[in-house]
Amino acid sequence: MDRNEIEERIQHLKMDYIRIQGDLDKLETVGGNAAGAIRELELIETEMKELRQTLDRI
């Protein structure tokens, strides 16, 4: 993966994060099971962290 691909992936993950965060807010409002959304956010955070570390090494 080159620098541009990594930056594009990070932007895509940010958009997913925002969308899932909105879904999580809705789930919490109606008392739904938010565990899946929380886990997804954690996975996105981990991937973004790894991608940023990769960018620092490039």
PDB file of N, CA and C in Angstrom:
ATOM      1  N   MET A   1       0.844  -1.170   0.000  1.00  0.00           N
ATOM      2  CA  MET A   1       0.000   0.000   0.000  1.00  0.00           C
ATOM      3  C   MET A   1       0.893   1.237   0.000  1.00  0.00           C
ATOM      4  N   ASP A   2       0.588   2.157  -0.908  1.00  0.00           N
ATOM      5  CA  ASP A   2       1.370   3.392  -0.910  1.00  0.00           C
ATOM      6  C   ASP A   2       0.681   4.447  -0.042  1.00  0.00           C
ATOM      7  N   ARG A   3       1.341   5.586   0.087  1.00  0.00           N
ATOM      8  CA  ARG A   3       0.862   6.648   0.974  1.00  0.00           C
ATOM      9  C   ARG A   3      -0.570   7.084   0.634  1.00  0.00           C
ATOM     10  N   ASN A   4      -0.842   7.283  -0.649  1.00  0.00           N
ATOM     11  CA  ASN A   4      -2.180   7.733  -1.060  1.00  0.00           C
ATOM     12  C   ASN A   4      -3.245   6.701  -0.726  1.00  0.00           C
ATOM     13  N   GLU A   5      -2.956   5.443  -0.944  1.00  0.00           N
ATOM     14  CA  GLU A   5      -3.914   4.383  -0.628  1.00  0.00           C
ATOM     15  C   GLU A   5      -4.199   4.331   0.871  1.00  0.00           C
ATOM     16  N   ILE A   6      -3.168   4.504   1.666  1.00  0.00           N
ATOM     17  CA  ILE A   6      -3.338   4.501   3.121  1.00  0.00           C
ATOM     18  C   ILE A   6      -4.199   5.684   3.553  1.00  0.00           C
ATOM     19  N   GLU A   7      -3.911   6.863   2.995  1.00  0.00           N
ATOM     20  CA  GLU A   7      -4.687   8.055   3.354  1.00  0.00           C
ATOM     21  C   GLU A   7      -6.148   7.907   2.924  1.00  0.00           C
ATOM     22  N   GLU A   8      -6.391   7.307   1.753  1.00  0.00           N
ATOM     23  CA  GLU A   8      -7.757   7.070   1.301  1.00  0.00           C
ATOM     24  C   GLU A   8      -8.469   6.088   2.231  1.00  0.00           C
ATOM     25  N   ARG A   9      -7.762   5.059   2.653  1.00  0.00           N
ATOM     26  CA  ARG A   9      -8.348   4.067   3.562  1.00  0.00           C
ATOM     27  C   ARG A   9      -8.706   4.721   4.888  1.00  0.00           C
ATOM     28  N   ILE A  10      -7.838   5.577   5.394  1.00  0.00           N
ATOM     29  CA  ILE A  10      -8.115   6.285   6.645  1.00  0.00           C
ATOM     30  C   ILE A  10      -9.369   7.154   6.493  1.00  0.00           C
ATOM     31  N   GLN A  11      -9.507   7.856   5.371  1.00  0.00           N
ATOM     32  CA  GLN A  11     -10.690   8.687   5.146  1.00  0.00           C
ATOM     33  C   GLN A  11     -11.957   7.839   5.093  1.00  0.00           C
ATOM     34  N   HIS A  12     -11.866   6.700   4.442  1.00  0.00           N
ATOM     35  CA  HIS A  12     -13.012   5.783   4.371  1.00  0.00           C
ATOM     36  C   HIS A  12     -13.386   5.290   5.771  1.00  0.00           C
ATOM     37  N   LEU A  13     -12.384   4.949   6.559  1.00  0.00           N
ATOM     38  CA  LEU A  13     -12.637   4.483   7.920  1.00  0.00           C
ATOM     39  C   LEU A  13     -13.269   5.579   8.775  1.00  0.00           C
ATOM     40  N   LYS A  14     -12.829   6.814   8.574  1.00  0.00           N
ATOM     41  CA  LYS A  14     -13.410   7.936   9.322  1.00  0.00           C
ATOM     42  C   LYS A  14     -14.897   8.084   9.006  1.00  0.00           C
ATOM     43  N   MET A  15     -15.245   7.951   7.717  1.00  0.00           N
ATOM     44  CA  MET A  15     -16.663   8.046   7.332  1.00  0.00           C
ATOM     45  C   MET A  15     -17.466   6.903   7.939  1.00  0.00           C
ATOM     46  N   ASP A  16     -16.901   5.692   7.919  1.00  0.00           N
ATOM     47  CA  ASP A  16     -17.574   4.549   8.542  1.00  0.00           C
ATOM     48  C   ASP A  16     -17.753   4.775  10.032  1.00  0.00           C
ATOM     49  N   TYR A  17     -16.719   5.318  10.674  1.00  0.00           N
ATOM     50  CA  TYR A  17     -16.756   5.560  12.114  1.00  0.00           C
ATOM     51  C   TYR A  17     -17.899   6.514  12.465  1.00  0.00           C
ATOM     52  N   ILE A  18     -18.007   7.585  11.704  1.00  0.00           N
ATOM     53  CA  ILE A  18     -19.061   8.574  11.946  1.00  0.00           C
ATOM     54  C   ILE A  18     -20.440   7.948  11.763  1.00  0.00           C
ATOM     55  N   ARG A  19     -20.604   7.142  10.705  1.00  0.00           N
ATOM     56  CA  ARG A  19     -21.877   6.486  10.437  1.00  0.00           C
ATOM     57  C   ARG A  19     -22.243   5.527  11.569  1.00  0.00           C
ATOM     58  N   ILE A  20     -21.278   4.719  11.988  1.00  0.00           N
ATOM     59  CA  ILE A  20     -21.536   3.742  13.047  1.00  0.00           C
ATOM     60  C   ILE A  20     -21.816   4.440  14.370  1.00  0.00           C
ATOM     61  N   GLN A  21     -21.118   5.545  14.606  1.00  0.00           N
ATOM     62  CA  GLN A  21     -21.362   6.303  15.832  1.00  0.00           C
ATOM     63  C   GLN A  21     -22.809   6.801  15.873  1.00  0.00           C
ATOM     64  N   GLY A  22     -23.313   7.251  14.713  1.00  0.00           N
ATOM     65  CA  GLY A  22     -24.710   7.676  14.634  1.00  0.00           C
ATOM     66  C   GLY A  22     -25.662   6.521  14.897  1.00  0.00           C
ATOM     67  N   ASP A  23     -25.329   5.363  14.326  1.00  0.00           N
ATOM     68  CA  ASP A  23     -26.145   4.166  14.565  1.00  0.00           C
ATOM     69  C   ASP A  23     -26.138   3.795  16.043  1.00  0.00           C
ATOM     70  N   LEU A  24     -24.974   3.903  16.660  1.00  0.00           N
ATOM     71  CA  LEU A  24     -24.840   3.583  18.077  1.00  0.00           C
ATOM     72  C   LEU A  24     -25.710   4.510  18.920  1.00  0.00           C
ATOM     73  N   ASP A  25     -25.687   5.792  18.590  1.00  0.00           N
ATOM     74  CA  ASP A  25     -26.526   6.748  19.323  1.00  0.00           C
ATOM     75  C   ASP A  25     -27.996   6.370  19.218  1.00  0.00           C
ATOM     76  N   LYS A  26     -28.422   5.974  18.014  1.00  0.00           N
ATOM     77  CA  LYS A  26     -29.821   5.569  17.823  1.00  0.00           C
ATOM     78  C   LYS A  26     -30.133   4.314  18.633  1.00  0.00           C
ATOM     79  N   LEU A  27     -29.227   3.341  18.595  1.00  0.00           N
ATOM     80  CA  LEU A  27     -29.443   2.106  19.352  1.00  0.00           C
ATOM     81  C   LEU A  27     -29.565   2.380  20.838  1.00  0.00           C
ATOM     82  N   GLU A  28     -28.694   3.242  21.350  1.00  0.00           N
ATOM     83  CA  GLU A  28     -28.734   3.559  22.774  1.00  0.00           C
ATOM     84  C   GLU A  28     -30.014   4.293  23.137  1.00  0.00           C
ATOM     85  N   THR A  29     -30.513   5.121  22.222  1.00  0.00           N
ATOM     86  CA  THR A  29     -31.736   5.875  22.470  1.00  0.00           C
ATOM     87  C   THR A  29     -32.939   4.948  22.615  1.00  0.00           C
ATOM     88  N   VAL A  30     -32.998   3.926  21.773  1.00  0.00           N
ATOM     89  CA  VAL A  30     -34.153   3.017  21.811  1.00  0.00           C
ATOM     90  C   VAL A  30     -33.905   1.794  22.679  1.00  0.00           C
ATOM     91  N   GLY A  31     -32.750   1.730  23.314  1.00  0.00           N
ATOM     92  CA  GLY A  31     -32.448   0.626  24.214  1.00  0.00           C
ATOM     93  C   GLY A  31     -32.040  -0.651  23.504  1.00  0.00           C
ATOM     94  N   GLY A  32     -31.521  -0.513  22.274  1.00  0.00           N
ATOM     95  CA  GLY A  32     -31.091  -1.681  21.514  1.00  0.00           C
ATOM     96  C   GLY A  32     -29.738  -2.200  21.974  1.00  0.00           C
ATOM     97  N   ASN A  33     -29.368  -3.343  21.434  1.00  0.00           N
ATOM     98  CA  ASN A  33     -28.080  -3.954  21.760  1.00  0.00           C
ATOM     99  C   ASN A  33     -26.984  -3.238  20.985  1.00  0.00           C
ATOM    100  N   ALA A  34     -26.150  -2.506  21.679  1.00  0.00           N
ATOM    101  CA  ALA A  34     -25.120  -1.690  21.052  1.00  0.00           C
ATOM    102  C   ALA A  34     -23.764  -2.381  21.008  1.00  0.00           C
ATOM    103  N   ALA A  35     -23.659  -3.591  21.502  1.00  0.00           N
ATOM    104  CA  ALA A  35     -22.370  -4.275  21.598  1.00  0.00           C
ATOM    105  C   ALA A  35     -21.696  -4.432  20.240  1.00  0.00           C
ATOM    106  N   GLY A  36     -22.453  -4.775  19.212  1.00  0.00           N
ATOM    107  CA  GLY A  36     -21.878  -4.954  17.882  1.00  0.00           C
ATOM    108  C   GLY A  36     -21.306  -3.659  17.331  1.00  0.00           C
ATOM    109  N   ALA A  37     -22.035  -2.568  17.510  1.00  0.00           N
ATOM    110  CA  ALA A  37     -21.570  -1.272  17.026  1.00  0.00           C
ATOM    111  C   ALA A  37     -20.326  -0.832  17.783  1.00  0.00           C
ATOM    112  N   ILE A  38     -20.306  -1.070  19.075  1.00  0.00           N
ATOM    113  CA  ILE A  38     -19.140  -0.701  19.877  1.00  0.00           C
ATOM    114  C   ILE A  38     -17.925  -1.490  19.422  1.00  0.00           C
ATOM    115  N   ARG A  39     -18.096  -2.764  19.173  1.00  0.00           N
ATOM    116  CA  ARG A  39     -16.990  -3.617  18.704  1.00  0.00           C
ATOM    117  C   ARG A  39     -16.490  -3.145  17.348  1.00  0.00           C
ATOM    118  N   GLU A  40     -17.404  -2.768  16.474  1.00  0.00           N
ATOM    119  CA  GLU A  40     -17.021  -2.268  15.155  1.00  0.00           C
ATOM    120  C   GLU A  40     -16.207  -0.983  15.271  1.00  0.00           C
ATOM    121  N   LEU A  41     -16.615  -0.097  16.160  1.00  0.00           N
ATOM    122  CA  LEU A  41     -15.867   1.145  16.380  1.00  0.00           C
ATOM    123  C   LEU A  41     -14.463   0.840  16.887  1.00  0.00           C
ATOM    124  N   GLU A  42     -14.360  -0.118  17.772  1.00  0.00           N
ATOM    125  CA  GLU A  42     -13.048  -0.501  18.304  1.00  0.00           C
ATOM    126  C   GLU A  42     -12.150  -1.051  17.200  1.00  0.00           C
ATOM    127  N   LEU A  43     -12.720  -1.851  16.312  1.00  0.00           N
ATOM    128  CA  LEU A  43     -11.937  -2.401  15.204  1.00  0.00           C
ATOM    129  C   LEU A  43     -11.460  -1.292  14.266  1.00  0.00           C
ATOM    130  N   ILE A  44     -12.329  -0.341  13.998  1.00  0.00           N
ATOM    131  CA  ILE A  44     -11.951   0.787  13.141  1.00  0.00           C
ATOM    132  C   ILE A  44     -10.844   1.596  13.791  1.00  0.00           C
ATOM    133  N   GLU A  45     -10.965   1.862  15.087  1.00  0.00           N
ATOM    134  CA  GLU A  45      -9.929   2.612  15.797  1.00  0.00           C
ATOM    135  C   GLU A  45      -8.585   1.908  15.706  1.00  0.00           C
ATOM    136  N   THR A  46      -8.600   0.600  15.868  1.00  0.00           N
ATOM    137  CA  THR A  46      -7.363  -0.181  15.801  1.00  0.00           C
ATOM    138  C   THR A  46      -6.755  -0.098  14.405  1.00  0.00           C
ATOM    139  N   GLU A  47      -7.577  -0.266  13.386  1.00  0.00           N
ATOM    140  CA  GLU A  47      -7.053  -0.209  12.016  1.00  0.00           C
ATOM    141  C   GLU A  47      -6.508   1.170  11.688  1.00  0.00           C
ATOM    142  N   MET A  48      -7.212   2.217  12.120  1.00  0.00           N
ATOM    143  CA  MET A  48      -6.739   3.578  11.856  1.00  0.00           C
ATOM    144  C   MET A  48      -5.404   3.822  12.554  1.00  0.00           C
ATOM    145  N   LYS A  49      -5.257   3.337  13.766  1.00  0.00           N
ATOM    146  CA  LYS A  49      -4.006   3.492  14.493  1.00  0.00           C
ATOM    147  C   LYS A  49      -2.866   2.808  13.747  1.00  0.00           C
ATOM    148  N   GLU A  50      -3.112   1.588  13.277  1.00  0.00           N
ATOM    149  CA  GLU A  50      -2.085   0.846  12.542  1.00  0.00           C
ATOM    150  C   GLU A  50      -1.721   1.552  11.238  1.00  0.00           C
ATOM    151  N   LEU A  51      -2.726   2.073  10.541  1.00  0.00           N
ATOM    152  CA  LEU A  51      -2.452   2.786   9.293  1.00  0.00           C
ATOM    153  C   LEU A  51      -1.653   4.062   9.532  1.00  0.00           C
ATOM    154  N   ARG A  52      -1.979   4.775  10.599  1.00  0.00           N
ATOM    155  CA  ARG A  52      -1.213   6.000  10.913  1.00  0.00           C
ATOM    156  C   ARG A  52       0.232   5.665  11.272  1.00  0.00           C
ATOM    157  N   GLN A  53       0.438   4.561  11.967  1.00  0.00           N
ATOM    158  CA  GLN A  53       1.797   4.142  12.283  1.00  0.00           C
ATOM    159  C   GLN A  53       2.559   3.794  11.007  1.00  0.00           C
ATOM    160  N   THR A  54       1.863   3.156  10.074  1.00  0.00           N
ATOM    161  CA  THR A  54       2.483   2.832   8.790  1.00  0.00           C
ATOM    162  C   THR A  54       2.858   4.120   8.057  1.00  0.00           C
ATOM    163  N   LEU A  55       1.969   5.111   8.080  1.00  0.00           N
ATOM    164  CA  LEU A  55       2.279   6.390   7.432  1.00  0.00           C
ATOM    165  C   LEU A  55       3.525   7.041   8.047  1.00  0.00           C
ATOM    166  N   ASP A  56       3.654   6.936   9.350  1.00  0.00           N
ATOM    167  CA  ASP A  56       4.814   7.527  10.032  1.00  0.00           C
ATOM    168  C   ASP A  56       6.122   6.876   9.585  1.00  0.00           C
ATOM    169  N   ARG A  57       6.049   5.614   9.190  1.00  0.00           N
ATOM    170  CA  ARG A  57       7.259   4.899   8.771  1.00  0.00           C
ATOM    171  C   ARG A  57       7.601   5.136   7.308  1.00  0.00           C
ATOM    172  N   ILE A  58       6.634   5.637   6.542  1.00  0.00           N
ATOM    173  CA  ILE A  58       6.882   5.850   5.100  1.00  0.00           C
ATOM    174  C   ILE A  58       7.685   7.113   4.889  1.00  0.00           C
TER     175      ILE A  58
END
